[in-house]
PDB file of N, CA and C in Angstrom:
ATOM      1  N   VAL A   1      88.645 114.875 114.739  1.00  0.00           N
ATOM      2  CA  VAL A   1      87.124 114.343 115.110  1.00  0.00           C
ATOM      3  C   VAL A   1      87.414 114.146 116.767  1.00  0.00           C
ATOM      4  N   GLY A   2      86.338 114.996 117.415  1.00  0.00           N
ATOM      5  CA  GLY A   2      86.307 114.698 118.663  1.00  0.00           C
ATOM      6  C   GLY A   2      86.801 115.531 119.453  1.00  0.00           C
ATOM      7  N   ARG A   3      86.779 115.734 120.966  1.00  0.00           N
ATOM      8  CA  ARG A   3      87.727 116.695 121.451  1.00  0.00           C
ATOM      9  C   ARG A   3      88.717 116.357 121.934  1.00  0.00           C
ATOM     10  N   ALA A   4      89.708 117.264 121.889  1.00  0.00           N
ATOM     11  CA  ALA A   4      91.353 117.498 122.234  1.00  0.00           C
ATOM     12  C   ALA A   4      91.521 117.258 123.536  1.00  0.00           C
ATOM     13  N   PRO A   5      92.435 116.519 124.063  1.00  0.00           N
ATOM     14  CA  PRO A   5      92.674 116.193 125.795  1.00  0.00           C
ATOM     15  C   PRO A   5      93.264 117.894 126.274  1.00  0.00           C
ATOM     16  N   GLU A   6      93.033 117.753 127.391  1.00  0.00           N
ATOM     17  CA  GLU A   6      93.469 118.882 128.118  1.00  0.00           C
ATOM     18  C   GLU A   6      95.089 119.371 127.900  1.00  0.00           C
ATOM     19  N   GLY A   7      95.584 120.340 127.637  1.00  0.00           N
ATOM     20  CA  GLY A   7      96.900 120.759 127.129  1.00  0.00           C
ATOM     21  C   GLY A   7      97.278 120.663 125.826  1.00  0.00           C
ATOM     22  N   PHE A   8      96.709 120.068 125.168  1.00  0.00           N
ATOM     23  CA  PHE A   8      96.852 120.165 123.478  1.00  0.00           C
ATOM     24  C   PHE A   8      96.680 121.276 122.770  1.00  0.00           C
ATOM     25  N   SER A   9      97.671 121.512 122.128  1.00  0.00           N
ATOM     26  CA  SER A   9      97.786 122.865 121.283  1.00  0.00           C
ATOM     27  C   SER A   9      97.973 122.288 119.770  1.00  0.00           C
ATOM     28  N   ARG A  10      97.008 122.797 118.955  1.00  0.00           N
ATOM     29  CA  ARG A  10      96.780 122.400 117.744  1.00  0.00           C
ATOM     30  C   ARG A  10      98.360 123.211 117.011  1.00  0.00           C
ATOM     31  N   THR A  11      98.674 124.227 117.192  1.00  0.00           N
ATOM     32  CA  THR A  11      99.547 125.419 116.892  1.00  0.00           C
ATOM     33  C   THR A  11     100.887 124.694 117.090  1.00  0.00           C
ATOM     34  N   ASP A  12     101.127 124.143 118.351  1.00  0.00           N
ATOM     35  CA  ASP A  12     102.084 123.649 118.644  1.00  0.00           C
ATOM     36  C   ASP A  12     102.524 122.178 117.745  1.00  0.00           C
ATOM     37  N   SER A  13     101.253 121.476 117.538  1.00  0.00           N
ATOM     38  CA  SER A  13     101.561 120.223 116.964  1.00  0.00           C
ATOM     39  C   SER A  13     101.952 120.427 115.200  1.00  0.00           C
ATOM     40  N   ILE A  14     101.214 121.876 114.847  1.00  0.00           N
ATOM     41  CA  ILE A  14     101.505 122.221 113.277  1.00  0.00           C
ATOM     42  C   ILE A  14     103.397 122.713 113.298  1.00  0.00           C
ATOM     43  N   ALA A  15     103.454 123.454 114.094  1.00  0.00           N
ATOM     44  CA  ALA A  15     104.659 123.663 114.343  1.00  0.00           C
ATOM     45  C   ALA A  15     105.774 122.669 114.412  1.00  0.00           C
ATOM     46  N   GLY A  16     105.326 121.596 115.222  1.00  0.00           N
ATOM     47  CA  GLY A  16     106.351 120.382 115.142  1.00  0.00           C
ATOM     48  C   GLY A  16     106.319 119.471 113.780  1.00  0.00           C
ATOM     49  N   ILE A  17     105.247 119.745 113.137  1.00  0.00           N
ATOM     50  CA  ILE A  17     105.406 119.098 111.893  1.00  0.00           C
ATOM     51  C   ILE A  17     106.170 119.681 110.983  1.00  0.00           C
ATOM     52  N   MET A  18     105.566 120.712 110.763  1.00  0.00           N
ATOM     53  CA  MET A  18     106.527 121.681 109.629  1.00  0.00           C
ATOM     54  C   MET A  18     108.050 121.817 110.159  1.00  0.00           C
ATOM     55  N   GLY A  19     108.700 121.932 111.222  1.00  0.00           N
ATOM     56  CA  GLY A  19     109.773 121.849 111.690  1.00  0.00           C
ATOM     57  C   GLY A  19     110.415 120.882 111.316  1.00  0.00           C
ATOM     58  N   MET A  20     110.108 119.366 111.623  1.00  0.00           N
ATOM     59  CA  MET A  20     110.809 118.033 111.210  1.00  0.00           C
ATOM     60  C   MET A  20     110.413 118.110 109.384  1.00  0.00           C
ATOM     61  N   THR A  21     109.478 118.347 108.720  1.00  0.00           N
ATOM     62  CA  THR A  21     109.550 118.766 107.252  1.00  0.00           C
ATOM     63  C   THR A  21     110.917 119.387 106.885  1.00  0.00           C
ATOM     64  N   PHE A  22     110.985 120.672 107.347  1.00  0.00           N
ATOM     65  CA  PHE A  22     112.017 121.450 107.310  1.00  0.00           C
ATOM     66  C   PHE A  22     113.590 120.595 107.334  1.00  0.00           C
ATOM     67  N   ILE A  23     113.317 120.136 108.586  1.00  0.00           N
ATOM     68  CA  ILE A  23     114.739 119.273 108.714  1.00  0.00           C
ATOM     69  C   ILE A  23     115.278 117.993 107.922  1.00  0.00           C
ATOM     70  N   LYS A  24     114.027 117.239 107.792  1.00  0.00           N
ATOM     71  CA  LYS A  24     114.262 116.392 106.660  1.00  0.00           C
ATOM     72  C   LYS A  24     114.435 116.961 105.147  1.00  0.00           C
ATOM     73  N   ALA A  25     113.766 118.001 104.893  1.00  0.00           N
ATOM     74  CA  ALA A  25     113.990 118.763 103.344  1.00  0.00           C
ATOM     75  C   ALA A  25     115.543 119.179 103.518  1.00  0.00           C
ATOM     76  N   MET A  26     115.965 119.645 104.316  1.00  0.00           N
ATOM     77  CA  MET A  26     117.383 120.120 104.546  1.00  0.00           C
ATOM     78  C   MET A  26     118.447 118.748 104.373  1.00  0.00           C
ATOM     79  N   GLU A  27     117.891 117.864 105.121  1.00  0.00           N
ATOM     80  CA  GLU A  27     119.066 116.485 104.709  1.00  0.00           C
ATOM     81  C   GLU A  27     118.773 115.908 103.555  1.00  0.00           C
ATOM     82  N   CYS A  28     117.598 116.094 102.924  1.00  0.00           N
ATOM     83  CA  CYS A  28     117.795 115.627 101.324  1.00  0.00           C
ATOM     84  C   CYS A  28     118.575 116.314 100.635  1.00  0.00           C
ATOM     85  N   SER A  29     118.297 117.835 100.626  1.00  0.00           N
ATOM     86  CA  SER A  29     119.152 118.600  99.644  1.00  0.00           C
ATOM     87  C   SER A  29     120.541 118.530  99.907  1.00  0.00           C
ATOM     88  N   ARG A  30     120.806 118.018 101.167  1.00  0.00           N
ATOM     89  CA  ARG A  30     122.432 117.861 101.220  1.00  0.00           C
ATOM     90  C   ARG A  30     122.742 116.601 100.936  1.00  0.00           C
ATOM     91  N   ALA A  31     122.028 115.743 100.948  1.00  0.00           N
ATOM     92  CA  ALA A  31     122.262 114.304 100.333  1.00  0.00           C
ATOM     93  C   ALA A  31     122.432 114.796  99.063  1.00  0.00           C
ATOM     94  N   MET A  32     121.305 115.134  98.216  1.00  0.00           N
ATOM     95  CA  MET A  32     121.388 115.104  96.608  1.00  0.00           C
ATOM     96  C   MET A  32     122.517 116.162  96.454  1.00  0.00           C
ATOM     97  N   ASP A  33     123.069 117.121  97.255  1.00  0.00           N
ATOM     98  CA  ASP A  33     124.033 117.941  96.889  1.00  0.00           C
ATOM     99  C   ASP A  33     125.461 117.344  96.623  1.00  0.00           C
ATOM    100  N   GLU A  34     125.675 116.427  97.676  1.00  0.00           N
ATOM    101  CA  GLU A  34     126.915 115.259  97.791  1.00  0.00           C
ATOM    102  C   GLU A  34     126.847 114.103  96.526  1.00  0.00           C
ATOM    103  N   ALA A  35     125.739 113.961  95.896  1.00  0.00           N
ATOM    104  CA  ALA A  35     125.324 112.991  95.376  1.00  0.00           C
ATOM    105  C   ALA A  35     125.747 113.519  93.899  1.00  0.00           C
ATOM    106  N   MET A  36     125.417 114.694  93.740  1.00  0.00           N
ATOM    107  CA  MET A  36     125.712 115.842  92.275  1.00  0.00           C
ATOM    108  C   MET A  36     127.125 115.822  92.515  1.00  0.00           C
ATOM    109  N   LEU A  37     127.579 116.346  93.365  1.00  0.00           N
ATOM    110  CA  LEU A  37     129.278 116.382  93.023  1.00  0.00           C
ATOM    111  C   LEU A  37     130.132 114.960  93.005  1.00  0.00           C
ATOM    112  N   CYS A  38     129.661 114.063  93.903  1.00  0.00           N
ATOM    113  CA  CYS A  38     130.383 112.653  93.709  1.00  0.00           C
ATOM    114  C   CYS A  38     130.033 112.395  92.148  1.00  0.00           C
ATOM    115  N   ARG A  39     128.991 112.406  91.384  1.00  0.00           N
ATOM    116  CA  ARG A  39     128.919 112.310  89.790  1.00  0.00           C
ATOM    117  C   ARG A  39     129.199 113.425  89.003  1.00  0.00           C
ATOM    118  N   GLY A  40     130.252 114.581  89.531  1.00  0.00           N
ATOM    119  CA  GLY A  40     131.017 115.316  88.581  1.00  0.00           C
ATOM    120  C   GLY A  40     129.953 116.543  88.089  1.00  0.00           C
ATOM    121  N   PHE A  41     129.043 116.944  88.667  1.00  0.00           N
ATOM    122  CA  PHE A  41     128.239 118.259  88.310  1.00  0.00           C
ATOM    123  C   PHE A  41     129.248 119.245  88.824  1.00  0.00           C
ATOM    124  N   ALA A  42     129.250 120.231  87.833  1.00  0.00           N
ATOM    125  CA  ALA A  42     130.270 121.359  88.061  1.00  0.00           C
ATOM    126  C   ALA A  42     129.751 122.545  88.629  1.00  0.00           C
ATOM    127  N   GLY A  43     128.227 122.488  88.940  1.00  0.00           N
ATOM    128  CA  GLY A  43     127.966 123.741  89.215  1.00  0.00           C
ATOM    129  C   GLY A  43     127.040 124.702  88.551  1.00  0.00           C
ATOM    130  N   ALA A  44     126.986 124.377  87.163  1.00  0.00           N
ATOM    131  CA  ALA A  44     126.112 124.908  86.034  1.00  0.00           C
ATOM    132  C   ALA A  44     125.902 124.218  85.105  1.00  0.00           C
ATOM    133  N   TYR A  45     124.786 124.338  84.587  1.00  0.00           N
ATOM    134  CA  TYR A  45     123.938 123.836  83.534  1.00  0.00           C
ATOM    135  C   TYR A  45     124.542 124.120  82.177  1.00  0.00           C
ATOM    136  N   PRO A  46     124.768 123.673  81.065  1.00  0.00           N
ATOM    137  CA  PRO A  46     125.364 123.968  79.974  1.00  0.00           C
ATOM    138  C   PRO A  46     124.098 124.674  79.090  1.00  0.00           C
ATOM    139  N   ALA A  47     124.207 125.827  78.417  1.00  0.00           N
ATOM    140  CA  ALA A  47     123.392 126.561  77.376  1.00  0.00           C
ATOM    141  C   ALA A  47     123.628 125.958  76.301  1.00  0.00           C
ATOM    142  N   PRO A  48     122.158 125.820  75.193  1.00  0.00           N
ATOM    143  CA  PRO A  48     122.076 124.589  74.340  1.00  0.00           C
ATOM    144  C   PRO A  48     122.839 125.742  73.134  1.00  0.00           C
ATOM    145  N   ALA A  49     123.472 125.298  72.102  1.00  0.00           N
ATOM    146  CA  ALA A  49     124.034 126.172  71.215  1.00  0.00           C
ATOM    147  C   ALA A  49     123.093 126.933  70.489  1.00  0.00           C
ATOM    148  N   ARG A  50     121.664 126.654  70.222  1.00  0.00           N
ATOM    149  CA  ARG A  50     120.932 126.973  69.594  1.00  0.00           C
ATOM    150  C   ARG A  50     119.937 127.622  70.242  1.00  0.00           C
ATOM    151  N   ALA A  51     119.680 128.668  70.364  1.00  0.00           N
ATOM    152  CA  ALA A  51     118.219 129.002  71.199  1.00  0.00           C
ATOM    153  C   ALA A  51     117.291 129.409  70.120  1.00  0.00           C
ATOM    154  N   GLY A  52     117.531 129.514  68.877  1.00  0.00           N
ATOM    155  CA  GLY A  52     116.251 130.548  67.942  1.00  0.00           C
ATOM    156  C   GLY A  52     115.073 129.659  67.792  1.00  0.00           C
ATOM    157  N   PHE A  53     114.325 129.852  67.176  1.00  0.00           N
ATOM    158  CA  PHE A  53     113.099 129.491  66.650  1.00  0.00           C
ATOM    159  C   PHE A  53     112.839 129.044  65.257  1.00  0.00           C
ATOM    160  N   GLY A  54     113.259 127.320  65.257  1.00  0.00           N
ATOM    161  CA  GLY A  54     113.490 126.732  63.883  1.00  0.00           C
ATOM    162  C   GLY A  54     112.240 126.186  63.304  1.00  0.00           C
ATOM    163  N   TRP A  55     112.341 125.377  62.102  1.00  0.00           N
ATOM    164  CA  TRP A  55     111.337 124.786  61.419  1.00  0.00           C
ATOM    165  C   TRP A  55     110.628 123.932  62.485  1.00  0.00           C
ATOM    166  N   ARG A  56     111.706 122.987  62.939  1.00  0.00           N
ATOM    167  CA  ARG A  56     110.930 122.116  64.213  1.00  0.00           C
ATOM    168  C   ARG A  56     109.827 122.915  65.350  1.00  0.00           C
ATOM    169  N   ASP A  57     110.551 123.914  65.636  1.00  0.00           N
ATOM    170  CA  ASP A  57     109.438 124.551  66.630  1.00  0.00           C
ATOM    171  C   ASP A  57     108.087 125.190  65.720  1.00  0.00           C
ATOM    172  N   ALA A  58     108.376 125.345  64.397  1.00  0.00           N
ATOM    173  CA  ALA A  58     107.024 125.862  63.893  1.00  0.00           C
ATOM    174  C   ALA A  58     106.331 124.757  63.639  1.00  0.00           C
ATOM    175  N   VAL A  59     106.554 123.536  63.085  1.00  0.00           N
ATOM    176  CA  VAL A  59     106.039 122.355  63.159  1.00  0.00           C
ATOM    177  C   VAL A  59     104.882 122.172  64.312  1.00  0.00           C
ATOM    178  N   TYR A  60     105.720 122.098  65.606  1.00  0.00           N
ATOM    179  CA  TYR A  60     105.467 121.937  66.841  1.00  0.00           C
ATOM    180  C   TYR A  60     104.020 122.820  67.383  1.00  0.00           C
ATOM    181  N   ALA A  61     104.544 124.036  67.141  1.00  0.00           N
ATOM    182  CA  ALA A  61     103.323 125.192  67.119  1.00  0.00           C
ATOM    183  C   ALA A  61     102.264 124.889  66.281  1.00  0.00           C
ATOM    184  N   ALA A  62     102.374 124.547  64.949  1.00  0.00           N
ATOM    185  CA  ALA A  62     101.110 124.480  64.332  1.00  0.00           C
ATOM    186  C   ALA A  62     100.412 123.164  64.738  1.00  0.00           C
ATOM    187  N   GLY A  63     101.186 122.007  65.144  1.00  0.00           N
ATOM    188  CA  GLY A  63     100.385 120.808  65.511  1.00  0.00           C
ATOM    189  C   GLY A  63      99.659 121.100  66.972  1.00  0.00           C
ATOM    190  N   VAL A  64     100.332 121.998  67.805  1.00  0.00           N
ATOM    191  CA  VAL A  64      99.116 122.180  69.078  1.00  0.00           C
ATOM    192  C   VAL A  64      98.460 123.087  68.594  1.00  0.00           C
ATOM    193  N   ALA A  65      98.258 124.071  67.765  1.00  0.00           N
ATOM    194  CA  ALA A  65      97.517 124.891  67.505  1.00  0.00           C
ATOM    195  C   ALA A  65      96.210 124.154  66.431  1.00  0.00           C
ATOM    196  N   LEU A  66      96.525 123.092  65.995  1.00  0.00           N
ATOM    197  CA  LEU A  66      95.354 122.246  65.452  1.00  0.00           C
ATOM    198  C   LEU A  66      94.841 121.533  66.317  1.00  0.00           C
ATOM    199  N   LEU A  67      95.577 120.918  67.312  1.00  0.00           N
ATOM    200  CA  LEU A  67      94.827 120.239  68.189  1.00  0.00           C
ATOM    201  C   LEU A  67      93.688 121.025  69.145  1.00  0.00           C
ATOM    202  N   ALA A  68      94.255 122.464  69.623  1.00  0.00           N
ATOM    203  CA  ALA A  68      93.792 123.197  69.860  1.00  0.00           C
ATOM    204  C   ALA A  68      92.075 123.714  69.445  1.00  0.00           C
ATOM    205  N   VAL A  69      92.374 123.520  68.053  1.00  0.00           N
ATOM    206  CA  VAL A  69      91.205 124.055  67.008  1.00  0.00           C
ATOM    207  C   VAL A  69      90.053 122.816  67.268  1.00  0.00           C
ATOM    208  N   LEU A  70      90.880 121.818  66.730  1.00  0.00           N
ATOM    209  CA  LEU A  70      90.202 120.191  66.775  1.00  0.00           C
ATOM    210  C   LEU A  70      89.323 120.022  68.130  1.00  0.00           C
ATOM    211  N   CYS A  71      89.945 120.724  69.137  1.00  0.00           N
ATOM    212  CA  CYS A  71      89.045 120.290  70.655  1.00  0.00           C
ATOM    213  C   CYS A  71      87.982 121.479  70.829  1.00  0.00           C
ATOM    214  N   ALA A  72      88.072 122.704  70.364  1.00  0.00           N
ATOM    215  CA  ALA A  72      87.359 123.594  70.145  1.00  0.00           C
ATOM    216  C   ALA A  72      86.178 123.450  69.481  1.00  0.00           C
ATOM    217  N   VAL A  73      86.368 122.590  68.081  1.00  0.00           N
ATOM    218  CA  VAL A  73      85.233 122.353  67.192  1.00  0.00           C
ATOM    219  C   VAL A  73      84.362 121.276  67.603  1.00  0.00           C
ATOM    220  N   LEU A  74      85.326 120.397  68.279  1.00  0.00           N
ATOM    221  CA  LEU A  74      84.706 118.815  68.968  1.00  0.00           C
ATOM    222  C   LEU A  74      83.991 119.203  70.159  1.00  0.00           C
TER     223      LEU A  74
END
């Protein structure tokens, strides 16, 4: 709002903010990686034993479909 002082560059300001955001994100990711290693993270997520479509999935899908129909009618 208002006039910018002489020599002020909005591009330089945005570049500085984005640079600091990048540096902060790198620091946070490094700290997160170190914390995960300290807690025993092996670097891979175990896959679930069963990946098929079961009766619980069918009940859930039927419930979602019922709610969608009720929302469309009401």
